[in-house]
N, C-alpha and C. Protein backbone atom coordinates (compact mmCIF):
# COMPACT_ATOMS: atom_id res chain seq x y z
N MET A 1 -32.86 6.86 -42.03
CA MET A 1 -33.63 7.83 -41.50
C MET A 1 -34.71 7.14 -40.57
N TRP A 2 -35.42 6.05 -41.20
CA TRP A 2 -36.29 5.12 -40.58
C TRP A 2 -35.80 4.69 -39.26
N LEU A 3 -34.59 3.87 -39.51
CA LEU A 3 -33.81 3.15 -38.56
C LEU A 3 -33.25 4.11 -37.35
N ALA A 4 -32.99 5.12 -37.68
CA ALA A 4 -32.53 6.03 -36.67
C ALA A 4 -33.72 6.38 -35.65
N ALA A 5 -34.85 6.53 -36.40
CA ALA A 5 -36.20 6.74 -35.38
C ALA A 5 -36.72 5.83 -34.44
N GLN A 6 -36.42 4.38 -35.14
CA GLN A 6 -36.57 2.97 -34.38
C GLN A 6 -35.70 2.88 -33.23
N ARG A 7 -34.42 3.32 -33.43
CA ARG A 7 -33.48 3.06 -32.37
C ARG A 7 -34.19 3.82 -31.14
N GLY A 8 -34.32 5.41 -31.19
CA GLY A 8 -35.06 6.05 -30.28
C GLY A 8 -36.08 5.02 -29.35
N ARG A 9 -36.86 4.33 -30.19
CA ARG A 9 -38.03 3.77 -29.36
C ARG A 9 -37.41 2.58 -28.52
N TRP A 10 -36.15 1.85 -29.00
CA TRP A 10 -35.75 0.74 -28.45
C TRP A 10 -34.91 1.09 -26.97
N ILE A 11 -34.53 2.21 -27.09
CA ILE A 11 -33.39 2.81 -25.85
C ILE A 11 -34.53 3.15 -24.90
N LYS A 12 -34.12 2.50 -23.63
CA LYS A 12 -34.72 2.72 -22.54
C LYS A 12 -34.25 3.94 -21.64
N GLU A 13 -35.13 5.12 -21.58
CA GLU A 13 -34.49 6.20 -20.83
C GLU A 13 -34.38 5.91 -19.29
N GLU A 14 -33.21 6.10 -18.94
CA GLU A 14 -32.72 5.93 -17.63
C GLU A 14 -32.53 7.29 -16.68
N PRO A 15 -32.78 7.36 -15.71
CA PRO A 15 -32.68 8.48 -14.93
C PRO A 15 -31.16 8.70 -14.79
N ALA A 16 -30.72 10.20 -14.44
CA ALA A 16 -29.42 10.58 -14.32
C ALA A 16 -28.53 9.84 -13.03
N ALA A 17 -29.58 9.63 -12.11
CA ALA A 17 -29.27 9.19 -10.87
C ALA A 17 -30.04 8.25 -10.34
N GLU A 18 -29.55 7.39 -9.39
CA GLU A 18 -30.56 6.40 -8.78
C GLU A 18 -30.05 6.07 -7.41
N VAL A 19 -31.13 5.59 -6.43
CA VAL A 19 -30.52 5.18 -5.39
C VAL A 19 -30.37 3.90 -5.50
N GLY A 20 -29.37 3.10 -4.93
CA GLY A 20 -29.15 1.62 -4.94
C GLY A 20 -28.59 0.96 -3.70
N ARG A 21 -28.62 -0.34 -3.65
CA ARG A 21 -27.88 -0.82 -2.46
C ARG A 21 -26.84 -1.57 -2.73
N VAL A 22 -25.70 -1.48 -1.92
CA VAL A 22 -24.32 -2.19 -2.04
C VAL A 22 -24.50 -3.75 -1.93
N THR A 23 -24.17 -4.61 -2.87
CA THR A 23 -24.10 -5.94 -2.99
C THR A 23 -22.68 -6.59 -2.63
N LEU A 24 -21.59 -5.83 -3.35
CA LEU A 24 -20.16 -6.20 -2.92
C LEU A 24 -19.58 -4.97 -2.34
N ALA A 25 -19.01 -5.02 -1.06
CA ALA A 25 -18.54 -3.97 -0.22
C ALA A 25 -17.19 -3.59 -1.06
N GLY A 26 -16.63 -2.55 -0.76
CA GLY A 26 -15.29 -2.08 -1.03
C GLY A 26 -15.14 -1.00 -2.09
N ALA A 27 -14.18 -0.66 -2.71
CA ALA A 27 -13.85 0.37 -3.77
C ALA A 27 -13.08 -0.06 -4.93
N PRO A 28 -13.35 -0.56 -6.05
CA PRO A 28 -14.75 -0.40 -6.65
C PRO A 28 -15.85 -1.29 -5.84
N ALA A 29 -17.19 -1.08 -6.05
CA ALA A 29 -18.08 -1.72 -5.35
C ALA A 29 -19.26 -2.46 -6.29
N GLY A 30 -19.91 -3.11 -5.85
CA GLY A 30 -21.08 -3.80 -6.67
C GLY A 30 -22.18 -3.16 -5.90
N VAL A 31 -23.41 -2.69 -7.08
CA VAL A 31 -24.52 -2.09 -6.64
C VAL A 31 -25.76 -2.59 -7.09
N ARG A 32 -26.91 -2.81 -6.53
CA ARG A 32 -28.04 -3.23 -7.38
C ARG A 32 -29.03 -2.04 -7.23
N LEU A 33 -29.02 -1.98 -8.68
CA LEU A 33 -30.01 -0.69 -9.35
C LEU A 33 -31.30 -1.78 -9.74
N GLU A 34 -31.51 -1.63 -11.03
CA GLU A 34 -32.50 -2.24 -11.77
C GLU A 34 -32.13 -3.97 -11.98
N GLY A 35 -30.79 -3.88 -12.10
CA GLY A 35 -29.87 -5.12 -11.98
C GLY A 35 -28.68 -4.86 -11.13
N GLU A 36 -27.98 -5.99 -10.91
CA GLU A 36 -26.57 -5.66 -10.31
C GLU A 36 -25.61 -4.98 -11.32
N ARG A 37 -24.82 -3.97 -10.68
CA ARG A 37 -23.53 -3.52 -11.63
C ARG A 37 -22.39 -3.71 -10.64
N ARG A 38 -21.17 -4.33 -11.11
CA ARG A 38 -20.37 -4.62 -10.72
C ARG A 38 -18.85 -3.62 -10.96
N GLU A 39 -18.07 -3.56 -10.16
CA GLU A 39 -16.55 -2.75 -10.42
C GLU A 39 -17.08 -1.22 -10.74
N VAL A 40 -18.19 -0.85 -9.75
CA VAL A 40 -18.67 0.55 -9.78
C VAL A 40 -17.78 1.54 -9.19
N PRO A 41 -17.10 2.38 -9.51
CA PRO A 41 -16.15 3.42 -8.66
C PRO A 41 -16.51 4.14 -7.92
N VAL A 42 -15.95 4.38 -6.79
CA VAL A 42 -16.34 5.24 -5.65
C VAL A 42 -15.64 6.44 -5.43
N PHE A 43 -16.59 7.73 -5.42
CA PHE A 43 -16.06 9.14 -5.60
C PHE A 43 -16.21 9.51 -4.36
N ALA A 44 -15.35 10.65 -3.71
CA ALA A 44 -15.47 11.31 -2.40
C ALA A 44 -14.70 12.59 -2.66
N PRO A 45 -14.87 13.50 -1.85
CA PRO A 45 -14.38 14.68 -1.73
C PRO A 45 -12.76 14.56 -1.81
N GLY A 46 -11.99 15.45 -2.30
CA GLY A 46 -10.52 15.16 -2.45
C GLY A 46 -10.05 15.00 -1.06
N GLY A 47 -9.02 14.19 -0.78
CA GLY A 47 -8.41 13.77 0.34
C GLY A 47 -9.08 12.98 1.43
N TYR A 48 -10.39 12.40 0.94
CA TYR A 48 -10.91 11.50 2.00
C TYR A 48 -11.47 10.27 1.26
N ALA A 49 -10.92 9.46 2.01
CA ALA A 49 -11.14 7.99 1.42
C ALA A 49 -12.53 7.02 1.95
N TRP A 50 -13.22 6.30 1.23
CA TRP A 50 -14.47 5.53 1.94
C TRP A 50 -14.78 4.50 1.18
N ARG A 51 -15.11 3.48 1.94
CA ARG A 51 -15.43 2.09 1.26
C ARG A 51 -16.81 2.03 1.82
N PRO A 52 -17.96 1.83 0.85
CA PRO A 52 -19.32 1.52 1.03
C PRO A 52 -19.28 -0.14 1.93
N ARG A 53 -20.20 -0.12 2.84
CA ARG A 53 -20.03 -1.34 3.37
C ARG A 53 -21.36 -2.16 2.83
N LEU A 54 -21.72 -3.49 2.90
CA LEU A 54 -22.69 -4.39 2.26
C LEU A 54 -23.94 -3.69 3.05
N GLY A 55 -24.89 -3.80 2.11
CA GLY A 55 -26.11 -3.42 2.52
C GLY A 55 -26.59 -1.85 2.59
N GLN A 56 -25.41 -0.85 2.54
CA GLN A 56 -25.60 0.62 2.55
C GLN A 56 -26.21 1.19 1.31
N GLU A 57 -27.30 1.85 1.51
CA GLU A 57 -27.85 2.67 0.75
C GLU A 57 -27.09 3.80 -0.18
N VAL A 58 -26.86 3.86 -1.41
CA VAL A 58 -25.97 4.71 -1.92
C VAL A 58 -26.75 5.41 -2.92
N LEU A 59 -25.98 6.40 -3.32
CA LEU A 59 -26.25 7.57 -4.51
C LEU A 59 -25.37 7.17 -6.01
N VAL A 60 -26.09 6.67 -6.90
CA VAL A 60 -25.46 6.26 -7.97
C VAL A 60 -25.63 7.16 -9.23
N LEU A 61 -24.57 7.88 -9.72
CA LEU A 61 -24.82 8.73 -10.73
C LEU A 61 -24.53 8.00 -12.10
N LYS A 62 -24.85 8.20 -13.03
CA LYS A 62 -24.93 7.57 -14.39
C LYS A 62 -24.05 8.67 -15.41
N THR A 63 -22.78 8.19 -15.71
CA THR A 63 -22.17 9.12 -16.46
C THR A 63 -21.70 8.32 -17.73
N GLY A 64 -20.89 9.06 -18.37
CA GLY A 64 -21.07 8.56 -19.98
C GLY A 64 -22.17 9.28 -20.92
N GLY A 65 -21.96 9.15 -22.07
CA GLY A 65 -22.86 9.78 -23.14
C GLY A 65 -24.37 9.01 -22.95
N GLU A 66 -24.38 7.89 -22.73
CA GLU A 66 -26.03 7.22 -22.46
C GLU A 66 -25.91 6.56 -21.16
N GLY A 67 -25.25 7.40 -20.00
CA GLY A 67 -25.31 6.86 -18.61
C GLY A 67 -24.82 5.17 -18.45
N GLU A 68 -23.90 4.86 -19.33
CA GLU A 68 -23.48 3.38 -19.25
C GLU A 68 -22.27 3.39 -18.26
N GLN A 69 -21.83 4.68 -17.54
CA GLN A 69 -20.59 4.40 -16.75
C GLN A 69 -21.07 5.03 -15.40
N PRO A 70 -21.56 4.17 -14.70
CA PRO A 70 -22.17 4.48 -13.06
C PRO A 70 -20.97 4.54 -12.09
N CYS A 71 -21.36 5.59 -11.08
CA CYS A 71 -20.31 5.76 -10.32
C CYS A 71 -21.02 5.92 -8.85
N ILE A 72 -20.53 5.65 -7.74
CA ILE A 72 -20.88 5.60 -6.51
C ILE A 72 -20.75 7.26 -5.99
N ALA A 73 -21.60 8.21 -5.57
CA ALA A 73 -21.00 9.48 -5.28
C ALA A 73 -21.28 9.82 -3.77
N GLY A 74 -21.99 8.78 -3.10
CA GLY A 74 -22.19 9.27 -1.63
C GLY A 74 -23.06 8.11 -0.93
N CYS A 75 -23.51 8.32 0.12
CA CYS A 75 -24.45 7.10 0.89
C CYS A 75 -25.66 8.18 1.55
N ARG A 76 -26.60 7.48 1.93
CA ARG A 76 -27.57 8.25 2.70
C ARG A 76 -27.16 8.22 3.80
N THR A 77 -27.22 9.47 4.51
CA THR A 77 -26.75 9.79 5.94
C THR A 77 -27.82 9.98 7.15
N ASP A 78 -27.61 9.82 8.31
CA ASP A 78 -28.25 9.89 9.32
C ASP A 78 -27.98 11.13 10.11
N PRO A 79 -28.79 11.97 10.02
CA PRO A 79 -28.56 13.45 10.90
C PRO A 79 -29.00 13.39 12.06
N GLU A 80 -29.45 12.11 12.85
CA GLU A 80 -29.94 12.02 14.02
C GLU A 80 -28.85 12.46 14.97
N GLY A 81 -29.48 13.29 15.99
CA GLY A 81 -28.34 14.01 16.78
C GLY A 81 -27.78 15.26 16.63
N LEU A 82 -27.82 15.53 15.29
CA LEU A 82 -26.95 16.49 14.83
C LEU A 82 -27.79 17.89 14.75
N GLU A 83 -27.38 19.18 15.21
CA GLU A 83 -27.97 20.25 15.22
C GLU A 83 -27.82 20.76 13.84
N ASP A 84 -28.86 21.87 13.07
CA ASP A 84 -28.60 22.47 12.31
C ASP A 84 -27.18 23.07 12.17
N GLY A 85 -26.19 23.07 10.68
CA GLY A 85 -25.01 23.51 10.95
C GLY A 85 -23.83 22.67 11.56
N GLU A 86 -24.26 21.68 12.47
CA GLU A 86 -23.00 20.51 12.68
C GLU A 86 -22.47 19.61 11.52
N ALA A 87 -21.77 19.10 11.65
CA ALA A 87 -21.19 18.24 10.90
C ALA A 87 -20.53 16.92 11.78
N ALA A 88 -20.54 15.83 11.15
CA ALA A 88 -19.98 14.54 12.00
C ALA A 88 -19.37 13.71 11.00
N LEU A 89 -18.34 13.23 11.26
CA LEU A 89 -17.46 12.06 10.59
C LEU A 89 -17.58 10.78 11.44
N SER A 90 -18.31 9.73 10.76
CA SER A 90 -18.32 8.75 11.63
C SER A 90 -17.97 7.51 11.20
N GLY A 91 -17.59 6.42 12.06
CA GLY A 91 -17.12 5.17 11.31
C GLY A 91 -17.73 3.92 12.19
N THR A 92 -17.19 2.82 12.45
CA THR A 92 -17.68 2.01 13.48
C THR A 92 -17.08 2.23 14.68
N GLY A 93 -17.75 2.44 15.56
CA GLY A 93 -17.38 2.54 16.90
C GLY A 93 -16.40 4.19 17.25
N CYS A 94 -16.33 4.92 16.27
CA CYS A 94 -15.85 6.08 16.42
C CYS A 94 -16.53 7.30 15.67
N ARG A 95 -16.25 8.68 16.53
CA ARG A 95 -17.00 9.77 15.65
C ARG A 95 -16.31 10.98 16.07
N VAL A 96 -16.44 11.95 15.04
CA VAL A 96 -15.71 13.34 15.46
C VAL A 96 -16.94 14.11 14.83
N LEU A 97 -17.20 14.89 15.94
CA LEU A 97 -18.34 15.90 15.73
C LEU A 97 -17.70 17.33 15.73
N LEU A 98 -18.14 18.15 14.70
CA LEU A 98 -18.02 19.52 14.67
C LEU A 98 -18.80 20.46 15.16
N SER A 99 -19.24 20.73 16.55
CA SER A 99 -20.52 21.37 17.03
C SER A 99 -20.35 22.46 16.91
N ASN A 100 -21.67 23.06 17.07
CA ASN A 100 -22.24 24.60 16.99
C ASN A 100 -21.31 25.60 17.96
N ASP A 101 -21.01 25.14 19.26
CA ASP A 101 -20.46 25.43 20.10
C ASP A 101 -18.58 25.73 20.04
N GLY A 102 -18.33 25.36 19.07
CA GLY A 102 -16.85 25.49 18.81
C GLY A 102 -15.98 24.49 19.40
N GLU A 103 -16.80 23.30 19.86
CA GLU A 103 -16.01 22.08 20.32
C GLU A 103 -15.99 21.20 19.20
N ILE A 104 -14.85 20.29 19.02
CA ILE A 104 -14.73 19.16 18.41
C ILE A 104 -14.77 17.99 19.39
N ARG A 105 -15.65 17.28 19.48
CA ARG A 105 -15.89 16.18 20.12
C ARG A 105 -15.39 14.78 19.50
N LEU A 106 -14.68 14.06 20.14
CA LEU A 106 -14.15 12.84 19.52
C LEU A 106 -14.78 11.75 20.43
N THR A 107 -15.13 10.74 19.88
CA THR A 107 -15.64 9.28 20.50
C THR A 107 -15.12 8.04 19.95
N GLY A 108 -14.40 7.57 20.74
CA GLY A 108 -13.40 6.10 20.38
C GLY A 108 -12.21 6.45 21.08
N THR A 109 -11.45 5.76 20.57
CA THR A 109 -9.99 5.65 21.39
C THR A 109 -9.29 6.47 20.10
N VAL A 110 -8.31 7.61 20.61
CA VAL A 110 -7.58 8.44 19.81
C VAL A 110 -6.06 7.99 19.92
N THR A 111 -5.61 7.66 18.99
CA THR A 111 -3.99 7.22 18.89
C THR A 111 -3.49 8.45 17.90
N VAL A 112 -1.82 8.49 18.55
CA VAL A 112 -1.27 9.12 17.83
C VAL A 112 0.18 8.36 17.46
N ASN A 113 0.60 8.38 16.18
CA ASN A 113 1.43 7.51 15.92
C ASN A 113 1.63 6.19 16.70
N GLY A 114 0.53 5.42 16.81
CA GLY A 114 0.15 4.15 17.41
C GLY A 114 0.30 3.95 18.87
N GLU A 115 -0.01 5.42 19.34
CA GLU A 115 0.06 5.33 20.89
C GLU A 115 -1.29 6.08 21.31
N THR A 116 -1.87 5.41 22.50
CA THR A 116 -3.45 6.00 22.67
C THR A 116 -3.11 7.33 23.45
N LEU A 117 -3.90 8.22 23.16
CA LEU A 117 -3.79 9.72 23.70
C LEU A 117 -3.47 9.67 25.03
N GLU A 118 -4.22 9.00 26.12
CA GLU A 118 -4.31 8.69 27.40
C GLU A 118 -2.67 8.35 27.75
N ALA A 119 -2.19 7.12 26.75
CA ALA A 119 -0.43 6.92 27.20
C ALA A 119 0.31 8.12 26.93
N MET A 120 0.16 8.89 25.73
CA MET A 120 0.75 9.67 25.52
C MET A 120 0.76 11.15 26.53
N ILE A 121 -0.41 11.45 27.13
CA ILE A 121 -0.34 12.19 28.09
C ILE A 121 0.22 11.91 29.25
N GLY A 122 0.03 10.54 29.67
CA GLY A 122 0.56 10.04 30.72
C GLY A 122 2.05 10.20 30.72
N ARG A 123 2.71 9.66 29.46
CA ARG A 123 4.44 9.59 29.16
C ARG A 123 4.61 11.40 29.50
N ILE A 124 3.95 12.16 28.81
CA ILE A 124 4.55 13.62 28.88
C ILE A 124 4.54 14.08 30.24
N ALA A 125 3.44 13.76 31.03
CA ALA A 125 3.33 14.20 32.22
C ALA A 125 4.49 13.76 33.22
N ALA A 126 4.59 12.33 32.85
CA ALA A 126 5.68 11.48 33.83
C ALA A 126 7.09 12.16 33.62
N SER A 127 7.22 12.41 32.42
CA SER A 127 8.51 13.08 32.02
C SER A 127 8.52 14.63 32.48
N MET A 128 7.38 15.34 32.46
CA MET A 128 7.60 16.74 33.10
C MET A 128 7.88 16.91 34.73
N LEU A 129 6.96 15.85 35.33
CA LEU A 129 7.44 15.56 36.88
C LEU A 129 8.47 15.34 37.06
N GLY A 130 9.06 14.20 36.39
CA GLY A 130 10.41 13.55 36.53
C GLY A 130 11.71 14.47 36.19
N GLY A 131 11.38 15.65 35.46
CA GLY A 131 12.49 16.46 35.41
C GLY A 131 12.45 17.85 36.36
N ILE A 132 11.33 17.87 37.20
CA ILE A 132 11.34 18.87 38.43
C ILE A 132 11.93 18.69 39.33
N GLY A 133 12.78 19.32 40.16
CA GLY A 133 13.34 18.88 41.52
C GLY A 133 14.54 18.39 41.48
């Protein structure tokens, strides 16, 4: 009984979630909280894959009975330039914006099966024009 009461004094209460910084990029990743944790799994919505980059600020959830199994649940986002209700998917040098005016705006080079969209449109137009006449 006394030992059980003493054990409660030794266990440091940790928050259920913390903001950390990625120290080893990838999935699994390394993340610095109070100390560095390695082999931390990365979670994302179904069908979506993401690898945190070095130095990125991430949300770490502590799972398991005593919070011994941390996992990365997401990263801090920068909503700069987004209006209320808009959503964006961004990577290095590219972006997909779902705008409030019903448009999908693409930034970067769009490829379909390895062919740029511009080349594909040109090929289709040449085929259509070559077929007339």
